[in-house]
PDB file of N, CA and C in Angstrom:
ATOM      1  N   MET A   1     -16.582  23.458  10.371  1.00  0.00           N
ATOM      2  CA  MET A   1     -15.844  21.955  10.595  1.00  0.00           C
ATOM      3  C   MET A   1     -15.322  22.112   9.390  1.00  0.00           C
ATOM      4  N   LYS A   2     -15.286  22.497   8.241  1.00  0.00           N
ATOM      5  CA  LYS A   2     -14.129  21.948   7.101  1.00  0.00           C
ATOM      6  C   LYS A   2     -13.105  22.800   7.947  1.00  0.00           C
ATOM      7  N   LEU A   3     -12.866  24.312   8.058  1.00  0.00           N
ATOM      8  CA  LEU A   3     -11.930  24.424   8.435  1.00  0.00           C
ATOM      9  C   LEU A   3     -11.215  24.067   9.995  1.00  0.00           C
ATOM     10  N   ILE A   4     -11.976  23.156  10.684  1.00  0.00           N
ATOM     11  CA  ILE A   4     -11.051  22.402  11.733  1.00  0.00           C
ATOM     12  C   ILE A   4     -10.518  21.099  10.741  1.00  0.00           C
ATOM     13  N   LYS A   5     -11.405  20.603  10.253  1.00  0.00           N
ATOM     14  CA  LYS A   5     -10.688  19.187   9.263  1.00  0.00           C
ATOM     15  C   LYS A   5      -9.786  19.606   8.429  1.00  0.00           C
ATOM     16  N   LYS A   6      -9.090  20.734   7.617  1.00  0.00           N
ATOM     17  CA  LYS A   6      -8.300  20.973   7.302  1.00  0.00           C
ATOM     18  C   LYS A   6      -6.987  21.653   8.051  1.00  0.00           C
ATOM     19  N   LEU A   7      -7.294  21.916   9.045  1.00  0.00           N
ATOM     20  CA  LEU A   7      -5.990  22.053  10.206  1.00  0.00           C
ATOM     21  C   LEU A   7      -5.648  21.143  10.574  1.00  0.00           C
ATOM     22  N   PHE A   8      -6.776  20.230  10.863  1.00  0.00           N
ATOM     23  CA  PHE A   8      -6.242  18.525  11.248  1.00  0.00           C
ATOM     24  C   PHE A   8      -4.960  18.124  10.094  1.00  0.00           C
ATOM     25  N   ILE A   9      -5.472  18.425   8.856  1.00  0.00           N
ATOM     26  CA  ILE A   9      -4.511  17.442   8.062  1.00  0.00           C
ATOM     27  C   ILE A   9      -3.565  18.566   7.976  1.00  0.00           C
ATOM     28  N   ALA A  10      -3.444  19.307   7.988  1.00  0.00           N
ATOM     29  CA  ALA A  10      -2.380  20.380   7.988  1.00  0.00           C
ATOM     30  C   ALA A  10      -1.195  19.950   8.802  1.00  0.00           C
ATOM     31  N   SER A  11      -2.001  20.055   9.911  1.00  0.00           N
ATOM     32  CA  SER A  11      -1.148  19.434  11.611  1.00  0.00           C
ATOM     33  C   SER A  11      -0.249  17.819  11.484  1.00  0.00           C
ATOM     34  N   ALA A  12      -1.289  17.223  10.591  1.00  0.00           N
ATOM     35  CA  ALA A  12      -0.712  15.493  10.291  1.00  0.00           C
ATOM     36  C   ALA A  12       0.027  15.834   9.331  1.00  0.00           C
ATOM     37  N   ILE A  13       0.391  16.345   8.021  1.00  0.00           N
ATOM     38  CA  ILE A  13       1.133  16.528   7.076  1.00  0.00           C
ATOM     39  C   ILE A  13       2.202  17.382   7.513  1.00  0.00           C
ATOM     40  N   CYS A  14       2.238  18.124   8.586  1.00  0.00           N
ATOM     41  CA  CYS A  14       3.465  18.832   9.159  1.00  0.00           C
ATOM     42  C   CYS A  14       4.376  17.757   9.791  1.00  0.00           C
ATOM     43  N   GLY A  15       3.751  16.854  10.445  1.00  0.00           N
ATOM     44  CA  GLY A  15       4.114  15.791  11.555  1.00  0.00           C
ATOM     45  C   GLY A  15       4.990  14.566  10.520  1.00  0.00           C
ATOM     46  N   LEU A  16       4.390  14.404   9.238  1.00  0.00           N
ATOM     47  CA  LEU A  16       5.338  13.694   8.469  1.00  0.00           C
ATOM     48  C   LEU A  16       6.568  14.376   8.010  1.00  0.00           C
ATOM     49  N   SER A  17       7.026  15.869   7.713  1.00  0.00           N
ATOM     50  CA  SER A  17       8.063  16.243   7.404  1.00  0.00           C
ATOM     51  C   SER A  17       8.914  16.236   8.598  1.00  0.00           C
ATOM     52  N   PHE A  18       8.689  16.067   9.575  1.00  0.00           N
ATOM     53  CA  PHE A  18       9.671  16.778  10.851  1.00  0.00           C
ATOM     54  C   PHE A  18      10.165  15.227  11.454  1.00  0.00           C
ATOM     55  N   SER A  19      10.600  14.407  10.961  1.00  0.00           N
ATOM     56  CA  SER A  19      10.917  12.968  11.059  1.00  0.00           C
ATOM     57  C   SER A  19      12.353  12.518  10.850  1.00  0.00           C
ATOM     58  N   SER A  20      12.861  11.940  12.324  1.00  0.00           N
ATOM     59  CA  SER A  20      14.171  11.848  11.321  1.00  0.00           C
ATOM     60  C   SER A  20      14.594  10.605  11.018  1.00  0.00           C
ATOM     61  N   SER A  21      15.640  10.063  10.257  1.00  0.00           N
ATOM     62  CA  SER A  21      15.681   8.910   9.312  1.00  0.00           C
ATOM     63  C   SER A  21      15.427   8.090   9.969  1.00  0.00           C
ATOM     64  N   PHE A  22      15.765   7.534  11.459  1.00  0.00           N
ATOM     65  CA  PHE A  22      15.547   6.394  11.681  1.00  0.00           C
ATOM     66  C   PHE A  22      14.086   6.354  12.043  1.00  0.00           C
ATOM     67  N   ALA A  23      13.340   7.287  12.693  1.00  0.00           N
ATOM     68  CA  ALA A  23      11.819   7.613  12.811  1.00  0.00           C
ATOM     69  C   ALA A  23      11.391   6.637  11.669  1.00  0.00           C
ATOM     70  N   ASP A  24      11.816   7.742  10.425  1.00  0.00           N
ATOM     71  CA  ASP A  24      11.712   7.210   9.403  1.00  0.00           C
ATOM     72  C   ASP A  24      11.358   5.547   8.753  1.00  0.00           C
ATOM     73  N   ALA A  25      12.291   5.409   8.981  1.00  0.00           N
ATOM     74  CA  ALA A  25      12.920   3.986   8.631  1.00  0.00           C
ATOM     75  C   ALA A  25      11.330   2.910   9.644  1.00  0.00           C
ATOM     76  N   GLU A  26      11.286   3.526  10.691  1.00  0.00           N
ATOM     77  CA  GLU A  26      10.555   2.979  11.882  1.00  0.00           C
ATOM     78  C   GLU A  26       8.847   2.796  11.228  1.00  0.00           C
ATOM     79  N   LEU A  27       8.447   4.242  10.832  1.00  0.00           N
ATOM     80  CA  LEU A  27       7.345   4.508  10.261  1.00  0.00           C
ATOM     81  C   LEU A  27       7.177   3.832   9.031  1.00  0.00           C
ATOM     82  N   VAL A  28       7.913   3.763   8.411  1.00  0.00           N
ATOM     83  CA  VAL A  28       7.903   3.239   6.992  1.00  0.00           C
ATOM     84  C   VAL A  28       7.469   1.254   7.363  1.00  0.00           C
ATOM     85  N   LYS A  29       8.327   0.957   8.497  1.00  0.00           N
ATOM     86  CA  LYS A  29       7.962  -0.870   8.549  1.00  0.00           C
ATOM     87  C   LYS A  29       6.819  -0.743   9.024  1.00  0.00           C
ATOM     88  N   LYS A  30       6.071   0.035   9.789  1.00  0.00           N
ATOM     89  CA  LYS A  30       4.813   0.109  10.578  1.00  0.00           C
ATOM     90  C   LYS A  30       3.919   0.568   9.524  1.00  0.00           C
ATOM     91  N   GLY A  31       3.952   1.423   8.216  1.00  0.00           N
ATOM     92  CA  GLY A  31       3.411   1.472   7.597  1.00  0.00           C
ATOM     93  C   GLY A  31       2.725   0.514   6.336  1.00  0.00           C
ATOM     94  N   GLU A  32       3.631  -0.333   6.304  1.00  0.00           N
ATOM     95  CA  GLU A  32       4.063  -1.480   5.569  1.00  0.00           C
ATOM     96  C   GLU A  32       3.320  -2.388   6.300  1.00  0.00           C
ATOM     97  N   LYS A  33       3.413  -2.637   7.561  1.00  0.00           N
ATOM     98  CA  LYS A  33       2.295  -3.748   8.360  1.00  0.00           C
ATOM     99  C   LYS A  33       1.152  -3.227   8.439  1.00  0.00           C
ATOM    100  N   ILE A  34       0.737  -1.887   8.048  1.00  0.00           N
ATOM    101  CA  ILE A  34      -0.680  -1.889   8.493  1.00  0.00           C
ATOM    102  C   ILE A  34      -1.283  -2.278   6.692  1.00  0.00           C
ATOM    103  N   PHE A  35      -0.262  -1.682   5.660  1.00  0.00           N
ATOM    104  CA  PHE A  35      -0.871  -1.970   3.863  1.00  0.00           C
ATOM    105  C   PHE A  35      -1.230  -3.346   3.993  1.00  0.00           C
ATOM    106  N   ASN A  36      -0.299  -4.324   4.630  1.00  0.00           N
ATOM    107  CA  ASN A  36      -0.144  -5.975   4.586  1.00  0.00           C
ATOM    108  C   ASN A  36      -1.217  -6.907   5.236  1.00  0.00           C
ATOM    109  N   THR A  37      -1.620  -6.634   6.772  1.00  0.00           N
ATOM    110  CA  THR A  37      -2.601  -6.574   7.441  1.00  0.00           C
ATOM    111  C   THR A  37      -4.008  -6.373   7.439  1.00  0.00           C
ATOM    112  N   LYS A  38      -4.623  -7.811   7.335  1.00  0.00           N
ATOM    113  CA  LYS A  38      -5.839  -7.531   7.003  1.00  0.00           C
ATOM    114  C   LYS A  38      -6.842  -6.916   7.924  1.00  0.00           C
ATOM    115  N   ASN A  39      -6.564  -7.009   9.038  1.00  0.00           N
ATOM    116  CA  ASN A  39      -7.684  -6.426  10.116  1.00  0.00           C
ATOM    117  C   ASN A  39      -7.286  -4.866  10.555  1.00  0.00           C
ATOM    118  N   LEU A  40      -6.094  -4.341   9.460  1.00  0.00           N
ATOM    119  CA  LEU A  40      -5.697  -2.836   9.893  1.00  0.00           C
ATOM    120  C   LEU A  40      -6.169  -2.405   8.536  1.00  0.00           C
ATOM    121  N   GLY A  41      -5.285  -2.160   7.457  1.00  0.00           N
ATOM    122  CA  GLY A  41      -5.136  -1.430   6.335  1.00  0.00           C
ATOM    123  C   GLY A  41      -5.787  -2.306   5.408  1.00  0.00           C
ATOM    124  N   ASN A  42      -5.345  -3.486   5.344  1.00  0.00           N
ATOM    125  CA  ASN A  42      -5.486  -4.420   4.347  1.00  0.00           C
ATOM    126  C   ASN A  42      -5.878  -3.562   2.700  1.00  0.00           C
ATOM    127  N   CYS A  43      -4.956  -2.998   2.368  1.00  0.00           N
ATOM    128  CA  CYS A  43      -4.625  -2.515   1.244  1.00  0.00           C
ATOM    129  C   CYS A  43      -4.220  -3.362   0.395  1.00  0.00           C
ATOM    130  N   LEU A  44      -3.538  -4.214   0.716  1.00  0.00           N
ATOM    131  CA  LEU A  44      -3.148  -5.601  -0.354  1.00  0.00           C
ATOM    132  C   LEU A  44      -4.175  -6.140  -1.050  1.00  0.00           C
ATOM    133  N   ALA A  45      -5.674  -6.096  -0.290  1.00  0.00           N
ATOM    134  CA  ALA A  45      -6.363  -7.030  -0.717  1.00  0.00           C
ATOM    135  C   ALA A  45      -6.807  -6.070  -2.306  1.00  0.00           C
ATOM    136  N   CYS A  46      -6.368  -5.252  -2.707  1.00  0.00           N
ATOM    137  CA  CYS A  46      -7.237  -4.338  -3.662  1.00  0.00           C
ATOM    138  C   CYS A  46      -5.414  -3.835  -4.913  1.00  0.00           C
ATOM    139  N   HIS A  47      -4.882  -3.762  -3.867  1.00  0.00           N
ATOM    140  CA  HIS A  47      -3.772  -2.967  -4.693  1.00  0.00           C
ATOM    141  C   HIS A  47      -2.826  -3.728  -4.921  1.00  0.00           C
ATOM    142  N   ALA A  48      -2.061  -3.733  -6.352  1.00  0.00           N
ATOM    143  CA  ALA A  48      -0.763  -4.360  -6.442  1.00  0.00           C
ATOM    144  C   ALA A  48       0.129  -3.567  -6.131  1.00  0.00           C
ATOM    145  N   VAL A  49       1.584  -3.428  -6.070  1.00  0.00           N
ATOM    146  CA  VAL A  49       2.541  -2.776  -5.815  1.00  0.00           C
ATOM    147  C   VAL A  49       3.487  -2.582  -6.668  1.00  0.00           C
ATOM    148  N   ASN A  50       4.240  -1.508  -7.472  1.00  0.00           N
ATOM    149  CA  ASN A  50       5.249  -1.737  -7.992  1.00  0.00           C
ATOM    150  C   ASN A  50       6.329  -1.995  -7.377  1.00  0.00           C
ATOM    151  N   GLY A  51       7.332  -3.176  -7.555  1.00  0.00           N
ATOM    152  CA  GLY A  51       8.305  -2.961  -7.114  1.00  0.00           C
ATOM    153  C   GLY A  51       8.425  -3.737  -5.470  1.00  0.00           C
ATOM    154  N   LYS A  52       7.342  -4.340  -4.772  1.00  0.00           N
ATOM    155  CA  LYS A  52       6.952  -5.047  -3.631  1.00  0.00           C
ATOM    156  C   LYS A  52       6.544  -6.121  -3.739  1.00  0.00           C
ATOM    157  N   ASN A  53       6.832  -6.952  -2.688  1.00  0.00           N
ATOM    158  CA  ASN A  53       6.334  -8.301  -2.878  1.00  0.00           C
ATOM    159  C   ASN A  53       5.209  -8.421  -2.022  1.00  0.00           C
ATOM    160  N   ILE A  54       3.881  -8.448  -2.694  1.00  0.00           N
ATOM    161  CA  ILE A  54       2.435  -8.130  -2.034  1.00  0.00           C
ATOM    162  C   ILE A  54       1.659  -9.737  -2.052  1.00  0.00           C
ATOM    163  N   ASP A  55       1.269 -10.251  -0.952  1.00  0.00           N
ATOM    164  CA  ASP A  55       0.872 -11.670  -0.829  1.00  0.00           C
ATOM    165  C   ASP A  55      -0.277 -11.394  -0.577  1.00  0.00           C
ATOM    166  N   GLY A  56      -1.203 -10.911  -2.030  1.00  0.00           N
ATOM    167  CA  GLY A  56      -3.100 -10.699  -1.604  1.00  0.00           C
ATOM    168  C   GLY A  56      -3.014 -10.390  -3.347  1.00  0.00           C
ATOM    169  N   PRO A  57      -4.224 -10.419  -3.828  1.00  0.00           N
ATOM    170  CA  PRO A  57      -4.775 -10.393  -4.978  1.00  0.00           C
ATOM    171  C   PRO A  57      -4.715  -9.048  -6.036  1.00  0.00           C
ATOM    172  N   GLY A  58      -4.290  -7.912  -4.844  1.00  0.00           N
ATOM    173  CA  GLY A  58      -4.403  -7.050  -5.623  1.00  0.00           C
ATOM    174  C   GLY A  58      -4.850  -6.612  -6.963  1.00  0.00           C
ATOM    175  N   SER A  59      -6.124  -6.624  -7.505  1.00  0.00           N
ATOM    176  CA  SER A  59      -6.727  -6.791  -8.644  1.00  0.00           C
ATOM    177  C   SER A  59      -7.840  -5.937  -8.932  1.00  0.00           C
ATOM    178  N   MET A  60      -8.755  -4.893  -7.638  1.00  0.00           N
ATOM    179  CA  MET A  60      -9.614  -4.206  -7.911  1.00  0.00           C
ATOM    180  C   MET A  60      -9.434  -2.953  -8.090  1.00  0.00           C
ATOM    181  N   GLY A  61      -8.425  -2.410  -7.225  1.00  0.00           N
ATOM    182  CA  GLY A  61      -7.917  -1.066  -7.415  1.00  0.00           C
ATOM    183  C   GLY A  61      -6.832  -1.047  -8.193  1.00  0.00           C
ATOM    184  N   PRO A  62      -6.348   0.343  -8.371  1.00  0.00           N
ATOM    185  CA  PRO A  62      -5.462   0.300  -9.496  1.00  0.00           C
ATOM    186  C   PRO A  62      -3.688  -0.154  -8.473  1.00  0.00           C
ATOM    187  N   LYS A  63      -3.122  -0.342  -9.523  1.00  0.00           N
ATOM    188  CA  LYS A  63      -1.844  -0.839  -9.408  1.00  0.00           C
ATOM    189  C   LYS A  63      -0.959   0.254  -8.538  1.00  0.00           C
ATOM    190  N   LEU A  64      -0.323   0.411  -7.606  1.00  0.00           N
ATOM    191  CA  LEU A  64       0.037   1.385  -7.178  1.00  0.00           C
ATOM    192  C   LEU A  64       1.698   1.905  -7.376  1.00  0.00           C
ATOM    193  N   THR A  65       1.841   2.938  -8.386  1.00  0.00           N
ATOM    194  CA  THR A  65       3.085   3.208  -8.864  1.00  0.00           C
ATOM    195  C   THR A  65       3.747   4.426  -8.760  1.00  0.00           C
ATOM    196  N   GLY A  66       5.104   5.012  -8.841  1.00  0.00           N
ATOM    197  CA  GLY A  66       5.267   5.837  -8.713  1.00  0.00           C
ATOM    198  C   GLY A  66       4.598   7.084  -7.727  1.00  0.00           C
ATOM    199  N   LEU A  67       4.846   6.579  -6.714  1.00  0.00           N
ATOM    200  CA  LEU A  67       4.222   7.228  -5.513  1.00  0.00           C
ATOM    201  C   LEU A  67       4.880   8.108  -4.695  1.00  0.00           C
ATOM    202  N   GLN A  68       6.137   7.869  -4.503  1.00  0.00           N
ATOM    203  CA  GLN A  68       7.599   8.871  -4.254  1.00  0.00           C
ATOM    204  C   GLN A  68       6.941  10.561  -4.771  1.00  0.00           C
ATOM    205  N   TYR A  69       6.311  10.056  -5.899  1.00  0.00           N
ATOM    206  CA  TYR A  69       6.469  11.724  -6.785  1.00  0.00           C
ATOM    207  C   TYR A  69       5.295  12.420  -6.153  1.00  0.00           C
ATOM    208  N   TRP A  70       4.324  11.585  -5.555  1.00  0.00           N
ATOM    209  CA  TRP A  70       3.077  12.249  -5.111  1.00  0.00           C
ATOM    210  C   TRP A  70       3.544  13.407  -4.057  1.00  0.00           C
ATOM    211  N   PRO A  71       2.351  14.524  -3.827  1.00  0.00           N
ATOM    212  CA  PRO A  71       2.607  15.110  -2.659  1.00  0.00           C
ATOM    213  C   PRO A  71       1.973  14.480  -1.321  1.00  0.00           C
ATOM    214  N   ASP A  72       3.079  14.918  -0.356  1.00  0.00           N
ATOM    215  CA  ASP A  72       2.433  13.901   0.673  1.00  0.00           C
ATOM    216  C   ASP A  72       1.292  13.827   1.307  1.00  0.00           C
ATOM    217  N   GLU A  73       0.668  15.167   1.062  1.00  0.00           N
ATOM    218  CA  GLU A  73      -0.530  15.854   1.629  1.00  0.00           C
ATOM    219  C   GLU A  73      -1.357  15.034   0.520  1.00  0.00           C
ATOM    220  N   LEU A  74      -1.208  14.873  -0.595  1.00  0.00           N
ATOM    221  CA  LEU A  74      -2.701  14.263  -1.462  1.00  0.00           C
ATOM    222  C   LEU A  74      -2.608  12.445  -1.288  1.00  0.00           C
ATOM    223  N   LEU A  75      -1.405  12.347  -0.343  1.00  0.00           N
ATOM    224  CA  LEU A  75      -1.503  10.748  -0.360  1.00  0.00           C
ATOM    225  C   LEU A  75      -1.924  10.604   0.903  1.00  0.00           C
ATOM    226  N   TYR A  76      -1.849  11.705   1.865  1.00  0.00           N
ATOM    227  CA  TYR A  76      -2.318  11.434   3.269  1.00  0.00           C
ATOM    228  C   TYR A  76      -3.857  12.074   2.984  1.00  0.00           C
ATOM    229  N   ASN A  77      -4.401  12.708   2.412  1.00  0.00           N
ATOM    230  CA  ASN A  77      -5.771  13.093   1.883  1.00  0.00           C
ATOM    231  C   ASN A  77      -6.832  12.013   1.257  1.00  0.00           C
ATOM    232  N   THR A  78      -5.731  11.292   0.357  1.00  0.00           N
ATOM    233  CA  THR A  78      -6.249   9.849  -0.153  1.00  0.00           C
ATOM    234  C   THR A  78      -6.493   8.852   0.803  1.00  0.00           C
ATOM    235  N   VAL A  79      -5.679   8.943   1.521  1.00  0.00           N
ATOM    236  CA  VAL A  79      -5.886   7.407   2.621  1.00  0.00           C
ATOM    237  C   VAL A  79      -7.121   7.991   3.446  1.00  0.00           C
ATOM    238  N   TYR A  80      -6.886   9.485   3.966  1.00  0.00           N
ATOM    239  CA  TYR A  80      -8.082   9.814   4.816  1.00  0.00           C
ATOM    240  C   TYR A  80      -9.319   9.944   4.314  1.00  0.00           C
ATOM    241  N   ASP A  81      -9.751  10.247   3.462  1.00  0.00           N
ATOM    242  CA  ASP A  81     -11.175  10.196   2.456  1.00  0.00           C
ATOM    243  C   ASP A  81     -11.154  11.063   1.023  1.00  0.00           C
ATOM    244  N   ILE A  82     -10.907   9.222   0.751  1.00  0.00           N
ATOM    245  CA  ILE A  82     -10.448   9.619  -1.027  1.00  0.00           C
ATOM    246  C   ILE A  82     -11.799  10.311  -1.866  1.00  0.00           C
ATOM    247  N   TYR A  83     -12.772  10.671  -1.202  1.00  0.00           N
ATOM    248  CA  TYR A  83     -14.334  10.963  -1.989  1.00  0.00           C
ATOM    249  C   TYR A  83     -13.757  12.462  -2.052  1.00  0.00           C
ATOM    250  N   SER A  84     -13.066  13.080  -0.501  1.00  0.00           N
ATOM    251  CA  SER A  84     -12.840  14.226  -0.614  1.00  0.00           C
ATOM    252  C   SER A  84     -11.503  14.836  -1.425  1.00  0.00           C
ATOM    253  N   ALA A  85     -10.946  13.818  -1.223  1.00  0.00           N
ATOM    254  CA  ALA A  85      -9.345  14.365  -1.822  1.00  0.00           C
ATOM    255  C   ALA A  85      -8.987  14.240  -3.254  1.00  0.00           C
ATOM    256  N   ARG A  86      -9.825  13.104  -3.629  1.00  0.00           N
ATOM    257  CA  ARG A  86      -9.638  12.712  -5.256  1.00  0.00           C
ATOM    258  C   ARG A  86     -11.187  13.686  -5.955  1.00  0.00           C
ATOM    259  N   ASP A  87     -11.875  13.727  -5.456  1.00  0.00           N
ATOM    260  CA  ASP A  87     -13.548  14.072  -5.617  1.00  0.00           C
ATOM    261  C   ASP A  87     -14.341  12.675  -6.305  1.00  0.00           C
ATOM    262  N   ALA A  88     -13.812  11.650  -5.688  1.00  0.00           N
ATOM    263  CA  ALA A  88     -14.438  10.413  -6.029  1.00  0.00           C
ATOM    264  C   ALA A  88     -15.954  10.531  -5.807  1.00  0.00           C
ATOM    265  N   LYS A  89     -16.669   9.777  -6.853  1.00  0.00           N
ATOM    266  CA  LYS A  89     -18.017   9.597  -6.552  1.00  0.00           C
ATOM    267  C   LYS A  89     -18.422   8.393  -6.393  1.00  0.00           C
ATOM    268  N   ILE A  90     -17.501   7.211  -7.169  1.00  0.00           N
ATOM    269  CA  ILE A  90     -17.811   6.100  -6.521  1.00  0.00           C
ATOM    270  C   ILE A  90     -16.568   5.312  -6.492  1.00  0.00           C
ATOM    271  N   THR A  91     -16.467   4.555  -5.481  1.00  0.00           N
ATOM    272  CA  THR A  91     -15.103   3.846  -5.248  1.00  0.00           C
ATOM    273  C   THR A  91     -15.422   3.206  -4.070  1.00  0.00           C
ATOM    274  N   SER A  92     -14.859   2.014  -4.333  1.00  0.00           N
ATOM    275  CA  SER A  92     -14.708   0.932  -3.144  1.00  0.00           C
ATOM    276  C   SER A  92     -13.634   1.020  -2.301  1.00  0.00           C
ATOM    277  N   MET A  93     -12.905   2.453  -2.023  1.00  0.00           N
ATOM    278  CA  MET A  93     -11.870   2.452  -0.756  1.00  0.00           C
ATOM    279  C   MET A  93     -12.603   2.858   0.251  1.00  0.00           C
ATOM    280  N   PRO A  94     -12.324   2.678   1.251  1.00  0.00           N
ATOM    281  CA  PRO A  94     -13.272   3.215   2.517  1.00  0.00           C
ATOM    282  C   PRO A  94     -12.474   4.437   2.871  1.00  0.00           C
ATOM    283  N   ALA A  95     -13.128   5.436   3.151  1.00  0.00           N
ATOM    284  CA  ALA A  95     -12.439   6.972   3.815  1.00  0.00           C
ATOM    285  C   ALA A  95     -11.333   6.313   5.283  1.00  0.00           C
ATOM    286  N   PHE A  96     -10.487   5.994   5.376  1.00  0.00           N
ATOM    287  CA  PHE A  96      -9.803   5.066   6.117  1.00  0.00           C
ATOM    288  C   PHE A  96     -10.138   6.304   7.911  1.00  0.00           C
ATOM    289  N   GLY A  97      -9.631   7.555   7.213  1.00  0.00           N
ATOM    290  CA  GLY A  97      -9.497   8.285   8.487  1.00  0.00           C
ATOM    291  C   GLY A  97     -10.915   9.001   8.717  1.00  0.00           C
ATOM    292  N   LYS A  98     -11.535   9.150   8.070  1.00  0.00           N
ATOM    293  CA  LYS A  98     -12.970   9.844   8.043  1.00  0.00           C
ATOM    294  C   LYS A  98     -13.612   8.817   9.073  1.00  0.00           C
ATOM    295  N   THR A  99     -13.656   8.125   8.695  1.00  0.00           N
ATOM    296  CA  THR A  99     -14.454   6.541   9.747  1.00  0.00           C
ATOM    297  C   THR A  99     -13.784   5.952  10.620  1.00  0.00           C
ATOM    298  N   GLY A 100     -12.459   6.496  10.771  1.00  0.00           N
ATOM    299  CA  GLY A 100     -11.720   6.088  12.307  1.00  0.00           C
ATOM    300  C   GLY A 100     -11.361   4.711  11.943  1.00  0.00           C
ATOM    301  N   TRP A 101     -11.317   3.856  10.432  1.00  0.00           N
ATOM    302  CA  TRP A 101     -10.688   2.870  10.677  1.00  0.00           C
ATOM    303  C   TRP A 101      -9.210   2.958  10.739  1.00  0.00           C
ATOM    304  N   LEU A 102      -8.476   3.504  10.883  1.00  0.00           N
ATOM    305  CA  LEU A 102      -6.979   4.072  11.021  1.00  0.00           C
ATOM    306  C   LEU A 102      -6.841   5.798  11.128  1.00  0.00           C
ATOM    307  N   SER A 103      -6.415   5.272  12.611  1.00  0.00           N
ATOM    308  CA  SER A 103      -5.987   6.593  13.272  1.00  0.00           C
ATOM    309  C   SER A 103      -5.075   7.666  12.447  1.00  0.00           C
ATOM    310  N   ASP A 104      -4.419   9.189  13.206  1.00  0.00           N
ATOM    311  CA  ASP A 104      -4.004   9.453  12.378  1.00  0.00           C
ATOM    312  C   ASP A 104      -2.187   9.237  12.114  1.00  0.00           C
ATOM    313  N   GLU A 105      -2.330   8.800  13.011  1.00  0.00           N
ATOM    314  CA  GLU A 105      -0.527   8.232  12.800  1.00  0.00           C
ATOM    315  C   GLU A 105      -0.406   6.949  12.511  1.00  0.00           C
ATOM    316  N   GLN A 106      -1.377   6.127  12.366  1.00  0.00           N
ATOM    317  CA  GLN A 106      -1.437   4.910  11.145  1.00  0.00           C
ATOM    318  C   GLN A 106      -1.401   4.992   9.935  1.00  0.00           C
ATOM    319  N   ILE A 107      -1.826   6.583   9.491  1.00  0.00           N
ATOM    320  CA  ILE A 107      -2.140   6.949   8.331  1.00  0.00           C
ATOM    321  C   ILE A 107      -1.077   7.924   7.879  1.00  0.00           C
ATOM    322  N   LYS A 108      -0.244   8.667   9.045  1.00  0.00           N
ATOM    323  CA  LYS A 108       1.074   9.018   8.514  1.00  0.00           C
ATOM    324  C   LYS A 108       2.211   7.677   7.976  1.00  0.00           C
ATOM    325  N   ALA A 109       1.975   6.830   8.885  1.00  0.00           N
ATOM    326  CA  ALA A 109       2.803   5.647   8.667  1.00  0.00           C
ATOM    327  C   ALA A 109       2.452   4.942   7.588  1.00  0.00           C
ATOM    328  N   VAL A 110       1.293   4.679   7.017  1.00  0.00           N
ATOM    329  CA  VAL A 110       0.956   4.311   5.326  1.00  0.00           C
ATOM    330  C   VAL A 110       1.534   4.915   4.327  1.00  0.00           C
ATOM    331  N   VAL A 111       1.454   6.290   4.528  1.00  0.00           N
ATOM    332  CA  VAL A 111       1.709   7.624   3.601  1.00  0.00           C
ATOM    333  C   VAL A 111       3.725   7.219   3.409  1.00  0.00           C
ATOM    334  N   ALA A 112       4.232   6.951   4.744  1.00  0.00           N
ATOM    335  CA  ALA A 112       5.477   7.174   4.695  1.00  0.00           C
ATOM    336  C   ALA A 112       6.183   5.549   3.876  1.00  0.00           C
ATOM    337  N   TYR A 113       5.340   4.684   3.554  1.00  0.00           N
ATOM    338  CA  TYR A 113       5.392   3.242   3.142  1.00  0.00           C
ATOM    339  C   TYR A 113       5.531   3.714   1.728  1.00  0.00           C
ATOM    340  N   LEU A 114       3.762   4.456   1.545  1.00  0.00           N
ATOM    341  CA  LEU A 114       3.719   4.574  -0.136  1.00  0.00           C
ATOM    342  C   LEU A 114       4.777   5.158  -0.779  1.00  0.00           C
ATOM    343  N   LYS A 115       5.250   6.130  -0.020  1.00  0.00           N
ATOM    344  CA  LYS A 115       6.521   7.422  -0.357  1.00  0.00           C
ATOM    345  C   LYS A 115       7.509   5.998  -0.636  1.00  0.00           C
ATOM    346  N   THR A 116       7.587   4.965  -0.259  1.00  0.00           N
ATOM    347  CA  THR A 116       9.057   4.240  -0.680  1.00  0.00           C
ATOM    348  C   THR A 116       8.588   3.260  -2.223  1.00  0.00           C
ATOM    349  N   ILE A 117       7.295   3.548  -2.834  1.00  0.00           N
ATOM    350  CA  ILE A 117       6.676   2.442  -3.692  1.00  0.00           C
ATOM    351  C   ILE A 117       7.157   3.686  -5.020  1.00  0.00           C
ATOM    352  N   GLN A 118       8.021   2.996  -5.939  1.00  0.00           N
ATOM    353  CA  GLN A 118       8.698   3.513  -7.441  1.00  0.00           C
ATOM    354  C   GLN A 118       7.989   3.017  -8.319  1.00  0.00           C
TER     355      GLN A 118
END
């Protein structure tokens, strides 16, 4: 089962790196919408974001900064299942992919958006 999960995540990451610049802009826009929409990612409820105008409390989770330097795979895995990706024992962040809250495509979009955060 772990092998299947790793293959799934690897294929998802590969899909991130083979997009055109137009697709990237659309993906970032979609990711921003997911980040800011309460019934989708609702990331703004917990995270403040460096350099972005976020209309949310953003005080529970860490402030997101410098994410353009993070590897895509780490960002994807963190959104997919923070418990496995970051060896987290206690966190209020849901495992968005593992629980089915967000699809693979939606997580890729969120990662594209997160990569714009400086």
